C-alpha atoms as a PDB file:
ATOM      1  CA  PRO A   1      78.014 -11.094 -63.870  1.00  0.00           C
ATOM      2  CA  ALA A   2      75.907 -14.127 -64.840  1.00  0.00           C
ATOM      3  CA  SER A   3      78.643 -15.495 -67.097  1.00  0.00           C
ATOM      4  CA  ILE A   4      81.269 -15.571 -64.334  1.00  0.00           C
ATOM      5  CA  VAL A   5      78.983 -16.997 -61.656  1.00  0.00           C
ATOM      6  CA  HIS A   6      78.587 -20.740 -61.153  1.00  0.00           C
ATOM      7  CA  PHE A   7      76.118 -22.609 -58.981  1.00  0.00           C
ATOM      8  CA  ASP A   8      76.503 -25.851 -57.046  1.00  0.00           C
ATOM      9  CA  VAL A   9      73.119 -27.326 -56.171  1.00  0.00           C
ATOM     10  CA  LYS A  10      72.483 -30.102 -53.664  1.00  0.00           C
ATOM     11  CA  PHE A  11      69.143 -31.813 -53.009  1.00  0.00           C
ATOM     12  CA  GLU A  12      68.253 -33.760 -49.881  1.00  0.00           C
ATOM     13  CA  THR A  13      64.830 -35.347 -50.177  1.00  0.00           C
ATOM     14  CA  ALA A  14      62.868 -37.627 -47.863  1.00  0.00           C
ATOM     15  CA  GLN A  15      59.337 -38.381 -46.819  1.00  0.00           C
ATOM     16  CA  THR A  16      58.072 -36.642 -43.713  1.00  0.00           C
ATOM     17  CA  THR A  17      56.208 -38.309 -40.868  1.00  0.00           C
ATOM     18  CA  ILE A  18      52.970 -36.971 -42.333  1.00  0.00           C
ATOM     19  CA  PRO A  19      51.541 -39.388 -44.910  1.00  0.00           C
ATOM     20  CA  GLY A  20      51.722 -38.055 -48.457  1.00  0.00           C
ATOM     21  CA  GLU A  21      54.391 -35.422 -47.792  1.00  0.00           C
ATOM     22  CA  ILE A  22      57.891 -35.142 -49.197  1.00  0.00           C
ATOM     23  CA  ARG A  23      60.432 -32.640 -47.874  1.00  0.00           C
ATOM     24  CA  SER A  24      63.145 -31.425 -50.212  1.00  0.00           C
ATOM     25  CA  VAL A  25      66.020 -29.324 -48.900  1.00  0.00           C
ATOM     26  CA  VAL A  26      67.872 -27.407 -51.591  1.00  0.00           C
ATOM     27  CA  THR A  27      71.292 -25.876 -50.963  1.00  0.00           C
ATOM     28  CA  VAL A  28      72.764 -23.507 -53.542  1.00  0.00           C
ATOM     29  CA  CYS A  29      76.379 -22.361 -53.306  1.00  0.00           C
ATOM     30  CA  THR A  30      77.367 -19.537 -55.637  1.00  0.00           C
ATOM     31  CA  HIS A  31      80.950 -19.174 -56.844  1.00  0.00           C
ATOM     32  CA  VAL A  32      82.783 -16.533 -58.837  1.00  0.00           C
ATOM     33  CA  GLU A  33      84.662 -18.431 -61.528  1.00  0.00           C
ATOM     34  CA  LYS A  34      87.792 -16.298 -61.758  1.00  0.00           C
ATOM     35  CA  TYR A  35      88.601 -16.393 -58.043  1.00  0.00           C
ATOM     36  CA  LEU A  36      87.113 -19.764 -57.038  1.00  0.00           C
ATOM     37  CA  LEU A  37      85.424 -17.815 -54.283  1.00  0.00           C
ATOM     38  CA  GLU A  38      82.099 -18.713 -52.690  1.00  0.00           C
ATOM     39  CA  VAL A  39      80.084 -15.513 -52.648  1.00  0.00           C
ATOM     40  CA  GLY A  40      76.739 -16.819 -51.538  1.00  0.00           C
ATOM     41  CA  LYS A  41      75.005 -19.804 -50.017  1.00  0.00           C
ATOM     42  CA  LEU A  42      71.309 -20.317 -49.442  1.00  0.00           C
ATOM     43  CA  LYS A  43      69.464 -23.316 -48.076  1.00  0.00           C
ATOM     44  CA  ALA A  44      65.684 -23.691 -48.180  1.00  0.00           C
ATOM     45  CA  ALA A  45      63.282 -26.516 -47.359  1.00  0.00           C
ATOM     46  CA  PHE A  46      60.155 -27.245 -49.350  1.00  0.00           C
ATOM     47  CA  THR A  47      57.336 -29.557 -48.316  1.00  0.00           C
ATOM     48  CA  LEU A  48      55.193 -31.007 -51.080  1.00  0.00           C
ATOM     49  CA  GLY A  49      52.000 -32.993 -50.646  1.00  0.00           C
ATOM     50  CA  PHE A  50      50.929 -35.871 -52.885  1.00  0.00           C
ATOM     51  CA  SER A  51      47.708 -37.834 -53.001  1.00  0.00           C
ATOM     52  CA  HIS A  52      48.230 -41.576 -52.657  1.00  0.00           C
ATOM     53  CA  LEU A  53      52.004 -41.298 -52.213  1.00  0.00           C
ATOM     54  CA  GLU A  54      51.994 -44.638 -50.413  1.00  0.00           C
ATOM     55  CA  ASN A  55      50.923 -46.301 -53.673  1.00  0.00           C
ATOM     56  CA  ILE A  56      54.074 -45.266 -55.535  1.00  0.00           C
ATOM     57  CA  THR A  57      56.845 -45.568 -52.930  1.00  0.00           C
ATOM     58  CA  ASP A  58      58.869 -48.703 -52.295  1.00  0.00           C
ATOM     59  CA  PRO A  59      59.257 -49.929 -48.697  1.00  0.00           C
ATOM     60  CA  LEU A  60      62.826 -50.378 -47.459  1.00  0.00           C
ATOM     61  CA  LYS A  61      64.093 -52.712 -44.731  1.00  0.00           C
ATOM     62  CA  ASP A  62      64.226 -50.070 -41.985  1.00  0.00           C
ATOM     63  CA  GLY A  63      60.619 -48.968 -42.442  1.00  0.00           C
ATOM     64  CA  ASP A  64      61.412 -45.927 -44.566  1.00  0.00           C
ATOM     65  CA  GLU A  65      60.187 -45.779 -48.122  1.00  0.00           C
ATOM     66  CA  LYS A  66      62.238 -45.127 -51.220  1.00  0.00           C
ATOM     67  CA  ILE A  67      60.983 -42.245 -53.337  1.00  0.00           C
ATOM     68  CA  PRO A  68      60.860 -43.326 -56.991  1.00  0.00           C
ATOM     69  CA  GLU A  69      63.288 -41.610 -59.338  1.00  0.00           C
ATOM     70  CA  GLU A  70      60.425 -40.545 -61.621  1.00  0.00           C
ATOM     71  CA  LEU A  71      58.841 -38.623 -58.748  1.00  0.00           C
ATOM     72  CA  LEU A  72      62.155 -37.020 -57.767  1.00  0.00           C
ATOM     73  CA  LEU A  73      62.572 -35.847 -61.350  1.00  0.00           C
ATOM     74  CA  SER A  74      59.338 -33.911 -60.848  1.00  0.00           C
ATOM     75  CA  VAL A  75      60.120 -32.669 -57.323  1.00  0.00           C
ATOM     76  CA  TYR A  76      63.611 -31.311 -58.084  1.00  0.00           C
ATOM     77  CA  PRO A  77      62.667 -28.876 -60.877  1.00  0.00           C
ATOM     78  CA  LEU A  78      59.746 -27.581 -58.816  1.00  0.00           C
ATOM     79  CA  ALA A  79      61.960 -26.971 -55.773  1.00  0.00           C
ATOM     80  CA  LEU A  80      64.707 -25.469 -57.919  1.00  0.00           C
ATOM     81  CA  SER A  81      62.398 -23.040 -59.696  1.00  0.00           C
ATOM     82  CA  THR A  82      61.082 -21.872 -56.328  1.00  0.00           C
ATOM     83  CA  MET A  83      64.679 -21.497 -55.126  1.00  0.00           C
ATOM     84  CA  ARG A  84      65.426 -19.420 -58.231  1.00  0.00           C
ATOM     85  CA  GLY A  85      62.770 -16.917 -57.165  1.00  0.00           C
ATOM     86  CA  ILE A  86      64.081 -16.828 -53.593  1.00  0.00           C
ATOM     87  CA  LEU A  87      67.638 -16.175 -54.795  1.00  0.00           C
ATOM     88  CA  TYR A  88      66.455 -13.443 -57.142  1.00  0.00           C
ATOM     89  CA  SER A  89      64.625 -11.763 -54.271  1.00  0.00           C
ATOM     90  CA  GLN A  90      67.501 -12.122 -51.806  1.00  0.00           C
ATOM     91  CA  TRP A  91      70.109 -10.822 -54.242  1.00  0.00           C
ATOM     92  CA  ARG A  92      68.210  -7.727 -55.309  1.00  0.00           C
ATOM     93  CA  GLY A  93      70.511  -4.721 -55.084  1.00  0.00           C
ATOM     94  CA  THR A  94      73.726  -6.801 -55.076  1.00  0.00           C
ATOM     95  CA  PHE A  95      76.164  -7.627 -57.860  1.00  0.00           C
ATOM     96  CA  LEU A  96      74.489 -11.066 -58.063  1.00  0.00           C
ATOM     97  CA  HIS A  97      71.084  -9.603 -58.965  1.00  0.00           C
ATOM     98  CA  ASN A  98      71.415 -10.602 -62.644  1.00  0.00           C
ATOM     99  CA  ALA A  99      72.968 -14.012 -61.922  1.00  0.00           C
ATOM    100  CA  ILE A 100      70.005 -16.305 -62.537  1.00  0.00           C
ATOM    101  CA  LEU A 101      70.068 -19.899 -61.373  1.00  0.00           C
ATOM    102  CA  PRO A 102      69.792 -21.962 -64.568  1.00  0.00           C
ATOM    103  CA  GLU A 103      67.083 -24.522 -65.223  1.00  0.00           C
ATOM    104  CA  LEU A 104      67.703 -28.074 -64.116  1.00  0.00           C
ATOM    105  CA  ASP A 105      69.168 -30.429 -66.706  1.00  0.00           C
ATOM    106  CA  LYS A 106      67.661 -33.756 -65.646  1.00  0.00           C
ATOM    107  CA  SER A 107      70.291 -35.667 -67.616  1.00  0.00           C
ATOM    108  CA  THR A 108      73.025 -34.419 -65.259  1.00  0.00           C
ATOM    109  CA  LEU A 109      71.330 -35.627 -62.075  1.00  0.00           C
ATOM    110  CA  ILE A 110      72.982 -38.447 -60.178  1.00  0.00           C
ATOM    111  CA  MET A 111      70.331 -40.518 -58.456  1.00  0.00           C
ATOM    112  CA  ILE A 112      71.480 -42.432 -55.369  1.00  0.00           C
END
């Protein structure tokens, strides 16, 4: 089944109100290629702590801070690999059990 299953992954990442923390919400929608049918959707939030985060973020006009792209390129694979384990656990015993979420190709990321 892994060859007919496709994944759409969405990241939403922001700093929390706690200094040094970043929260990344990952949403994975799973589709069966032949039928264009969504067969699964899972959303999980991950909170990561960083020492001296304030030294590497850029302040924005509204008081929020922009998370540098280099840091996001480290956060996303970590969150995605954790999500891979969650999906594997949740899908055990279903036809999606062998459909493994692929590794993140950083070159395909669109940074906003």
